[in-house]
Amino acid sequence: MSIPNKDEVEGKWEQAKGWVKDKAGEVTNDPKLEAEGEAQNAAGDAQETWGKVKRGVGDAVEAVGDAIKR
């Protein structure tokens, strides 16, 4: 398994920031901030998933290349 790529790392970071906003919105009873946090968390999840897909494709291409070299 290869190391996480930029999209995976940035996606996780966006999820964390979104989670903080969501919880801050809950604590302060600010539905707008809570919704922003939920949206940011979802966007981060999508970005992380995209990164995982890209990494999976890259790993598969690398495996095919290794198999051809044998």
N, C-alpha and C. Protein backbone atom coordinates (compact mmCIF):
# COMPACT_ATOMS: atom_id res chain seq x y z
N MET A 1 0.85 -1.18 0.00
CA MET A 1 0.00 0.00 0.00
C MET A 1 0.89 1.24 0.00
N SER A 2 0.56 2.17 -0.83
CA SER A 2 1.36 3.39 -0.94
C SER A 2 0.90 4.43 0.09
N ILE A 3 1.69 5.47 0.19
CA ILE A 3 1.37 6.53 1.16
C ILE A 3 0.21 7.37 0.63
N PRO A 4 -0.54 7.99 1.52
CA PRO A 4 -1.66 8.84 1.09
C PRO A 4 -1.18 9.99 0.20
N ASN A 5 -2.01 10.34 -0.78
CA ASN A 5 -1.66 11.44 -1.67
C ASN A 5 -2.24 12.76 -1.14
N LYS A 6 -1.97 13.82 -1.88
CA LYS A 6 -2.36 15.17 -1.46
C LYS A 6 -3.88 15.28 -1.24
N ASP A 7 -4.66 14.68 -2.14
CA ASP A 7 -6.11 14.78 -2.00
C ASP A 7 -6.60 14.06 -0.74
N GLU A 8 -6.00 12.94 -0.42
CA GLU A 8 -6.41 12.22 0.79
C GLU A 8 -6.10 13.04 2.04
N VAL A 9 -4.91 13.60 2.09
CA VAL A 9 -4.50 14.38 3.26
C VAL A 9 -5.34 15.65 3.38
N GLU A 10 -5.51 16.37 2.28
CA GLU A 10 -6.31 17.60 2.32
C GLU A 10 -7.77 17.29 2.64
N GLY A 11 -8.27 16.17 2.13
CA GLY A 11 -9.64 15.77 2.43
C GLY A 11 -9.84 15.51 3.92
N LYS A 12 -8.88 14.82 4.53
CA LYS A 12 -8.96 14.58 5.98
C LYS A 12 -8.93 15.89 6.75
N TRP A 13 -8.08 16.82 6.30
CA TRP A 13 -7.97 18.12 6.96
C TRP A 13 -9.30 18.88 6.86
N GLU A 14 -9.92 18.85 5.69
CA GLU A 14 -11.21 19.53 5.52
C GLU A 14 -12.28 18.88 6.40
N GLN A 15 -12.24 17.57 6.51
CA GLN A 15 -13.19 16.88 7.38
C GLN A 15 -13.03 17.34 8.83
N ALA A 16 -11.78 17.44 9.27
CA ALA A 16 -11.52 17.87 10.65
C ALA A 16 -12.02 19.29 10.88
N LYS A 17 -11.73 20.19 9.93
CA LYS A 17 -12.20 21.57 10.09
C LYS A 17 -13.72 21.63 10.08
N GLY A 18 -14.33 20.82 9.22
CA GLY A 18 -15.79 20.78 9.16
C GLY A 18 -16.39 20.26 10.45
N TRP A 19 -15.76 19.24 11.03
CA TRP A 19 -16.25 18.67 12.28
C TRP A 19 -16.21 19.73 13.39
N VAL A 20 -15.12 20.49 13.44
CA VAL A 20 -14.98 21.54 14.46
C VAL A 20 -16.08 22.58 14.28
N LYS A 21 -16.31 23.01 13.04
CA LYS A 21 -17.37 24.00 12.79
C LYS A 21 -18.74 23.45 13.18
N ASP A 22 -18.99 22.20 12.81
CA ASP A 22 -20.26 21.55 13.13
C ASP A 22 -20.49 21.55 14.64
N LYS A 23 -19.49 21.12 15.39
CA LYS A 23 -19.63 21.06 16.85
C LYS A 23 -19.72 22.45 17.46
N ALA A 24 -18.97 23.40 16.92
CA ALA A 24 -19.07 24.78 17.41
C ALA A 24 -20.47 25.33 17.17
N GLY A 25 -21.04 25.01 16.02
CA GLY A 25 -22.41 25.43 15.73
C GLY A 25 -23.42 24.82 16.68
N GLU A 26 -23.20 23.55 17.03
CA GLU A 26 -24.09 22.90 17.99
C GLU A 26 -23.99 23.56 19.36
N VAL A 27 -22.76 23.80 19.82
CA VAL A 27 -22.54 24.37 21.15
C VAL A 27 -23.08 25.79 21.25
N THR A 28 -22.90 26.58 20.19
CA THR A 28 -23.33 27.98 20.21
C THR A 28 -24.75 28.16 19.69
N ASN A 29 -25.40 27.05 19.36
CA ASN A 29 -26.75 27.09 18.80
C ASN A 29 -26.81 27.97 17.55
N ASP A 30 -25.85 27.74 16.65
CA ASP A 30 -25.75 28.49 15.39
C ASP A 30 -25.95 27.51 14.23
N PRO A 31 -27.20 27.38 13.76
CA PRO A 31 -27.49 26.41 12.71
C PRO A 31 -26.70 26.66 11.41
N LYS A 32 -26.43 27.93 11.12
CA LYS A 32 -25.68 28.25 9.90
C LYS A 32 -24.26 27.69 9.99
N LEU A 33 -23.60 27.90 11.11
CA LEU A 33 -22.24 27.39 11.31
C LEU A 33 -22.24 25.86 11.30
N GLU A 34 -23.25 25.29 11.91
CA GLU A 34 -23.38 23.83 11.94
C GLU A 34 -23.52 23.28 10.52
N ALA A 35 -24.36 23.92 9.71
CA ALA A 35 -24.55 23.49 8.32
C ALA A 35 -23.27 23.66 7.50
N GLU A 36 -22.56 24.77 7.73
CA GLU A 36 -21.29 24.97 7.03
C GLU A 36 -20.31 23.85 7.38
N GLY A 37 -20.28 23.49 8.64
CA GLY A 37 -19.39 22.42 9.08
C GLY A 37 -19.75 21.09 8.44
N GLU A 38 -21.03 20.79 8.39
CA GLU A 38 -21.47 19.54 7.78
C GLU A 38 -21.11 19.51 6.30
N ALA A 39 -21.30 20.64 5.62
CA ALA A 39 -20.97 20.71 4.19
C ALA A 39 -19.46 20.57 3.97
N GLN A 40 -18.68 21.22 4.82
CA GLN A 40 -17.22 21.15 4.69
C GLN A 40 -16.75 19.72 4.97
N ASN A 41 -17.35 19.08 5.94
CA ASN A 41 -17.00 17.70 6.26
C ASN A 41 -17.32 16.79 5.06
N ALA A 42 -18.48 16.98 4.45
CA ALA A 42 -18.86 16.17 3.29
C ALA A 42 -17.92 16.40 2.11
N ALA A 43 -17.54 17.66 1.90
CA ALA A 43 -16.61 17.97 0.81
C ALA A 43 -15.25 17.32 1.07
N GLY A 44 -14.82 17.34 2.31
CA GLY A 44 -13.56 16.69 2.66
C GLY A 44 -13.62 15.19 2.45
N ASP A 45 -14.76 14.60 2.77
CA ASP A 45 -14.94 13.17 2.57
C ASP A 45 -14.86 12.83 1.08
N ALA A 46 -15.50 13.65 0.25
CA ALA A 46 -15.45 13.43 -1.19
C ALA A 46 -14.03 13.57 -1.72
N GLN A 47 -13.30 14.57 -1.24
CA GLN A 47 -11.93 14.77 -1.69
C GLN A 47 -11.04 13.60 -1.26
N GLU A 48 -11.23 13.12 -0.04
CA GLU A 48 -10.44 11.98 0.42
C GLU A 48 -10.75 10.74 -0.42
N THR A 49 -12.03 10.52 -0.71
CA THR A 49 -12.42 9.37 -1.53
C THR A 49 -11.79 9.46 -2.91
N TRP A 50 -11.81 10.64 -3.51
CA TRP A 50 -11.19 10.85 -4.82
C TRP A 50 -9.70 10.52 -4.74
N GLY A 51 -9.05 10.94 -3.70
CA GLY A 51 -7.63 10.64 -3.52
C GLY A 51 -7.37 9.15 -3.41
N LYS A 52 -8.25 8.45 -2.70
CA LYS A 52 -8.11 6.99 -2.57
C LYS A 52 -8.29 6.31 -3.92
N VAL A 53 -9.23 6.80 -4.72
CA VAL A 53 -9.44 6.23 -6.05
C VAL A 53 -8.19 6.45 -6.90
N LYS A 54 -7.67 7.67 -6.89
CA LYS A 54 -6.46 7.96 -7.67
C LYS A 54 -5.30 7.08 -7.23
N ARG A 55 -5.15 6.90 -5.93
CA ARG A 55 -4.05 6.07 -5.42
C ARG A 55 -4.25 4.62 -5.83
N GLY A 56 -5.48 4.14 -5.77
CA GLY A 56 -5.78 2.77 -6.16
C GLY A 56 -5.46 2.51 -7.62
N VAL A 57 -5.81 3.46 -8.48
CA VAL A 57 -5.50 3.34 -9.90
C VAL A 57 -3.98 3.34 -10.10
N GLY A 58 -3.30 4.24 -9.43
CA GLY A 58 -1.84 4.30 -9.53
C GLY A 58 -1.19 3.01 -9.07
N ASP A 59 -1.68 2.44 -7.97
CA ASP A 59 -1.15 1.17 -7.47
C ASP A 59 -1.39 0.05 -8.48
N ALA A 60 -2.57 0.05 -9.10
CA ALA A 60 -2.89 -0.99 -10.08
C ALA A 60 -1.99 -0.87 -11.30
N VAL A 61 -1.77 0.34 -11.77
CA VAL A 61 -0.89 0.56 -12.92
C VAL A 61 0.53 0.11 -12.58
N GLU A 62 0.97 0.42 -11.39
CA GLU A 62 2.30 0.01 -10.95
C GLU A 62 2.41 -1.52 -10.89
N ALA A 63 1.37 -2.18 -10.40
CA ALA A 63 1.37 -3.64 -10.32
C ALA A 63 1.43 -4.27 -11.71
N VAL A 64 0.70 -3.69 -12.66
CA VAL A 64 0.75 -4.19 -14.04
C VAL A 64 2.15 -4.01 -14.60
N GLY A 65 2.73 -2.86 -14.37
CA GLY A 65 4.10 -2.60 -14.84
C GLY A 65 5.09 -3.59 -14.25
N ASP A 66 4.94 -3.89 -12.97
CA ASP A 66 5.82 -4.86 -12.31
C ASP A 66 5.63 -6.25 -12.90
N ALA A 67 4.38 -6.61 -13.20
CA ALA A 67 4.11 -7.93 -13.77
C ALA A 67 4.70 -8.05 -15.17
N ILE A 68 4.66 -6.98 -15.93
CA ILE A 68 5.21 -7.01 -17.29
C ILE A 68 6.73 -7.15 -17.25
N LYS A 69 7.36 -6.55 -16.27
CA LYS A 69 8.82 -6.61 -16.16
C LYS A 69 9.32 -8.01 -15.85
N ARG A 70 8.48 -8.85 -15.27
CA ARG A 70 8.90 -10.20 -14.89
C ARG A 70 8.98 -11.04 -16.07
